Structure formats: C-alpha cells, structure tokens
C-alpha cells in the first residue's frame, strides 16, 4: 500500500515538473517573439499624413458612381447596391 502511494507521488511530481517546464518555455518564447516584433521597423504604405485616397473636389459617392459605370463587369454586385 505504501509503495503504491509512493508511485502516485512520483507521477504527480514528474507531471507537475514537466508542465512547469513547458509553461516557462512558452512564456520565454512569447517574450522573445514580442521583443522581436517591437524592434522591427514599422513600414508605412508610402502615404503622407495629409495625403488621401479621395482627390480634392470629389466625394465618396462620386467615386462609387464612377466605379459602377466604368466597364463591363465592374462595380458592385446587384445584391450590394442600394
């Protein structure tokens, strides 16, 4: 009876040790991955702060109307149109 209890304690000790080591390794991996992303340069898409996609004097509605009438098969599908 004593030997069986001793085996259970050893199994518990081994499983807790393995889980603890895995948890520490996962935390270390996440930390280094976070640090690597932090030191990477952030790339911009090449637009200045005041530069926009919509040219001056045009509205979003104008751009949508142009895209709907500019060629075969272009524009929004019928189910999306309002």
N, C-alpha and C. Protein backbone atom coordinates (compact mmCIF):
# COMPACT_ATOMS: atom_id res chain seq x y z
N UNK A 1 0.84 -1.20 0.00
CA UNK A 1 0.00 0.00 0.00
C UNK A 1 0.88 1.26 0.00
N UNK A 2 1.96 1.24 0.77
CA UNK A 2 2.87 2.38 0.83
C UNK A 2 3.58 2.60 -0.51
N UNK A 3 3.98 1.49 -1.18
CA UNK A 3 4.69 1.59 -2.46
C UNK A 3 3.79 2.19 -3.54
N UNK A 4 2.49 1.83 -3.49
CA UNK A 4 1.55 2.38 -4.48
C UNK A 4 1.36 3.88 -4.29
N UNK A 5 1.28 4.35 -3.09
CA UNK A 5 1.17 5.78 -2.80
C UNK A 5 2.43 6.51 -3.22
N UNK A 6 3.57 5.88 -3.03
CA UNK A 6 4.84 6.47 -3.42
C UNK A 6 4.91 6.66 -4.94
N UNK A 7 4.38 5.70 -5.69
CA UNK A 7 4.36 5.79 -7.16
C UNK A 7 3.47 6.96 -7.61
N UNK A 8 2.34 7.12 -6.95
CA UNK A 8 1.43 8.23 -7.28
C UNK A 8 2.10 9.58 -7.02
N UNK A 9 2.84 9.67 -5.92
CA UNK A 9 3.54 10.92 -5.62
C UNK A 9 4.63 11.21 -6.65
N UNK A 10 5.35 10.16 -7.06
CA UNK A 10 6.38 10.35 -8.08
C UNK A 10 5.77 10.77 -9.41
N UNK A 11 4.65 10.15 -9.78
CA UNK A 11 3.98 10.51 -11.04
C UNK A 11 3.48 11.95 -10.98
N UNK A 12 2.94 12.35 -9.83
CA UNK A 12 2.47 13.72 -9.67
C UNK A 12 3.64 14.70 -9.75
N UNK A 13 4.74 14.38 -9.10
CA UNK A 13 5.91 15.24 -9.12
C UNK A 13 6.47 15.38 -10.54
N UNK A 14 6.55 14.29 -11.27
CA UNK A 14 7.06 14.33 -12.65
C UNK A 14 6.14 15.14 -13.54
N UNK A 15 4.83 14.92 -13.44
CA UNK A 15 3.90 15.65 -14.32
C UNK A 15 3.88 17.14 -14.00
N UNK A 16 3.95 17.52 -12.71
CA UNK A 16 3.98 18.93 -12.35
C UNK A 16 5.28 19.57 -12.85
N UNK A 17 6.38 18.84 -12.74
CA UNK A 17 7.66 19.37 -13.22
C UNK A 17 7.65 19.58 -14.72
N UNK A 18 7.15 18.61 -15.47
CA UNK A 18 7.09 18.72 -16.94
C UNK A 18 6.18 19.88 -17.35
N UNK A 19 5.03 19.99 -16.71
CA UNK A 19 4.11 21.09 -17.05
C UNK A 19 4.71 22.44 -16.72
N UNK A 20 5.41 22.53 -15.60
CA UNK A 20 6.06 23.79 -15.22
C UNK A 20 7.13 24.18 -16.22
N UNK A 21 7.93 23.22 -16.65
CA UNK A 21 8.98 23.50 -17.63
C UNK A 21 8.37 23.95 -18.95
N UNK A 22 7.30 23.28 -19.39
CA UNK A 22 6.63 23.68 -20.63
C UNK A 22 6.05 25.09 -20.52
N UNK A 23 5.47 25.41 -19.39
CA UNK A 23 4.90 26.74 -19.21
C UNK A 23 5.98 27.81 -19.26
N UNK A 24 7.11 27.56 -18.62
CA UNK A 24 8.22 28.51 -18.64
C UNK A 24 8.74 28.68 -20.07
N UNK A 25 8.87 27.58 -20.82
CA UNK A 25 9.34 27.67 -22.20
C UNK A 25 8.38 28.46 -23.08
N UNK A 26 7.10 28.27 -22.88
CA UNK A 26 6.10 29.01 -23.67
C UNK A 26 6.17 30.49 -23.34
N UNK A 27 6.33 30.83 -22.06
CA UNK A 27 6.42 32.24 -21.67
C UNK A 27 7.67 32.88 -22.26
N UNK A 28 8.79 32.17 -22.22
CA UNK A 28 10.04 32.69 -22.80
C UNK A 28 9.89 32.90 -24.30
N UNK A 29 9.27 31.92 -24.99
CA UNK A 29 9.05 32.04 -26.43
C UNK A 29 8.20 33.26 -26.76
N UNK A 30 7.11 33.45 -26.02
CA UNK A 30 6.23 34.60 -26.28
C UNK A 30 6.95 35.91 -25.99
N UNK A 31 7.77 35.96 -24.95
CA UNK A 31 8.51 37.17 -24.61
C UNK A 31 9.48 37.55 -25.73
N UNK A 32 10.26 36.59 -26.21
CA UNK A 32 11.22 36.91 -27.26
C UNK A 32 10.53 37.26 -28.57
N UNK A 33 9.41 36.62 -28.84
CA UNK A 33 8.66 36.97 -30.06
C UNK A 33 8.11 38.39 -29.97
N UNK A 34 7.62 38.76 -28.80
CA UNK A 34 7.11 40.12 -28.59
C UNK A 34 8.24 41.14 -28.73
N UNK A 35 9.39 40.85 -28.15
CA UNK A 35 10.52 41.76 -28.24
C UNK A 35 11.00 41.92 -29.69
N UNK A 36 11.00 40.81 -30.44
CA UNK A 36 11.43 40.87 -31.84
C UNK A 36 10.48 41.73 -32.66
N UNK A 37 9.18 41.62 -32.43
CA UNK A 37 8.21 42.43 -33.15
C UNK A 37 8.33 43.90 -32.76
N UNK A 38 8.69 44.15 -31.51
CA UNK A 38 8.81 45.52 -31.03
C UNK A 38 10.00 46.23 -31.67
N UNK A 39 11.08 45.50 -31.93
CA UNK A 39 12.27 46.11 -32.50
C UNK A 39 12.22 46.20 -34.02
N UNK A 40 11.29 45.51 -34.66
CA UNK A 40 11.16 45.57 -36.11
C UNK A 40 10.66 46.94 -36.54
N UNK A 41 11.16 47.46 -37.64
CA UNK A 41 10.64 48.75 -38.11
C UNK A 41 9.23 48.58 -38.66
N UNK A 42 8.40 49.55 -38.35
CA UNK A 42 7.03 49.54 -38.86
C UNK A 42 7.02 50.21 -40.23
N UNK A 43 6.55 49.50 -41.23
CA UNK A 43 6.54 50.02 -42.59
C UNK A 43 5.24 50.77 -42.85
N UNK A 44 5.36 51.92 -43.46
CA UNK A 44 4.17 52.65 -43.86
C UNK A 44 3.90 52.33 -45.32
N UNK A 45 2.70 52.64 -45.76
CA UNK A 45 2.34 52.32 -47.14
C UNK A 45 2.74 53.43 -48.10
N UNK A 46 3.51 54.38 -47.62
CA UNK A 46 4.04 55.41 -48.51
C UNK A 46 3.16 56.64 -48.63
N UNK A 47 2.17 56.77 -47.79
CA UNK A 47 1.32 57.95 -47.84
C UNK A 47 1.75 58.94 -46.78
N UNK A 48 1.70 60.19 -47.12
CA UNK A 48 1.95 61.24 -46.14
C UNK A 48 0.73 61.35 -45.24
N UNK A 49 0.87 62.05 -44.15
CA UNK A 49 -0.23 62.19 -43.20
C UNK A 49 -1.44 62.88 -43.83
N UNK A 50 -1.21 63.92 -44.62
CA UNK A 50 -2.32 64.67 -45.18
C UNK A 50 -2.76 64.15 -46.54
N UNK A 51 -2.12 63.13 -47.05
CA UNK A 51 -2.47 62.57 -48.35
C UNK A 51 -3.67 61.63 -48.19
N UNK A 52 -4.63 61.72 -49.11
CA UNK A 52 -5.82 60.88 -49.01
C UNK A 52 -6.02 60.12 -50.31
N UNK A 53 -6.90 59.14 -50.24
CA UNK A 53 -7.23 58.36 -51.44
C UNK A 53 -8.24 59.09 -52.32
N UNK A 54 -9.04 59.95 -51.73
CA UNK A 54 -10.07 60.67 -52.48
C UNK A 54 -9.49 62.01 -52.93
N UNK A 55 -9.46 62.26 -54.24
CA UNK A 55 -8.92 63.53 -54.73
C UNK A 55 -9.77 64.71 -54.26
N UNK A 56 -9.18 65.89 -54.14
CA UNK A 56 -9.95 67.07 -53.73
C UNK A 56 -11.04 67.38 -54.75
N UNK A 57 -12.20 67.78 -54.25
CA UNK A 57 -13.30 68.13 -55.12
C UNK A 57 -14.20 66.96 -55.47
N UNK A 58 -13.84 65.75 -55.07
CA UNK A 58 -14.68 64.58 -55.32
C UNK A 58 -15.11 63.99 -53.99
N UNK A 59 -16.27 63.37 -54.00
CA UNK A 59 -16.77 62.72 -52.79
C UNK A 59 -16.73 61.21 -52.97
N UNK A 60 -16.98 60.52 -51.92
CA UNK A 60 -17.01 59.06 -51.97
C UNK A 60 -18.14 58.59 -52.89
N UNK A 61 -19.24 59.31 -52.88
CA UNK A 61 -20.37 58.96 -53.75
C UNK A 61 -19.95 59.05 -55.22
N UNK A 62 -19.19 60.08 -55.58
CA UNK A 62 -18.71 60.23 -56.97
C UNK A 62 -17.83 59.05 -57.37
N UNK A 63 -16.93 58.65 -56.47
CA UNK A 63 -16.05 57.52 -56.78
C UNK A 63 -16.83 56.22 -56.96
N UNK A 64 -17.86 56.02 -56.13
CA UNK A 64 -18.68 54.81 -56.26
C UNK A 64 -19.43 54.82 -57.58
N UNK A 65 -19.98 55.97 -57.96
CA UNK A 65 -20.70 56.06 -59.23
C UNK A 65 -19.77 55.81 -60.41
N UNK A 66 -18.54 56.31 -60.35
CA UNK A 66 -17.58 56.07 -61.42
C UNK A 66 -17.22 54.60 -61.52
N UNK A 67 -17.09 53.93 -60.39
CA UNK A 67 -16.70 52.53 -60.42
C UNK A 67 -17.83 51.65 -60.93
N UNK A 68 -19.07 52.08 -60.77
CA UNK A 68 -20.20 51.28 -61.23
C UNK A 68 -20.39 51.40 -62.73
N UNK A 69 -19.90 52.45 -63.33
CA UNK A 69 -20.17 52.66 -64.75
C UNK A 69 -18.90 52.63 -65.60
N UNK A 70 -17.83 52.02 -65.09
CA UNK A 70 -16.58 52.08 -65.85
C UNK A 70 -16.18 50.72 -66.39
N UNK A 71 -16.96 50.20 -67.32
CA UNK A 71 -16.54 48.98 -67.99
C UNK A 71 -17.44 47.79 -67.72
N UNK A 72 -17.20 46.74 -68.46
CA UNK A 72 -18.01 45.54 -68.37
C UNK A 72 -17.65 44.74 -67.12
N UNK A 73 -18.66 44.42 -66.34
CA UNK A 73 -18.45 43.59 -65.17
C UNK A 73 -17.90 44.32 -63.97
N UNK A 74 -17.72 45.62 -64.06
CA UNK A 74 -17.17 46.36 -62.92
C UNK A 74 -18.30 46.85 -62.03
N UNK A 75 -17.93 47.33 -60.90
CA UNK A 75 -18.90 47.88 -59.97
C UNK A 75 -19.34 46.85 -58.96
N UNK A 76 -20.26 47.29 -58.10
CA UNK A 76 -20.76 46.41 -57.04
C UNK A 76 -21.81 45.45 -57.59
N UNK A 77 -21.90 44.26 -57.05
CA UNK A 77 -22.95 43.33 -57.47
C UNK A 77 -24.34 43.87 -57.12
N UNK A 78 -25.36 43.35 -57.77
CA UNK A 78 -26.72 43.84 -57.57
C UNK A 78 -27.16 43.70 -56.12
N UNK A 79 -26.75 42.67 -55.43
CA UNK A 79 -27.20 42.45 -54.06
C UNK A 79 -26.60 43.46 -53.10
N UNK A 80 -25.52 44.11 -53.46
CA UNK A 80 -24.87 45.06 -52.57
C UNK A 80 -25.31 46.48 -52.84
N UNK A 81 -25.82 46.76 -54.02
CA UNK A 81 -26.24 48.12 -54.39
C UNK A 81 -27.41 48.56 -53.54
N UNK A 82 -27.45 49.87 -53.27
CA UNK A 82 -28.58 50.42 -52.51
C UNK A 82 -29.42 51.31 -53.39
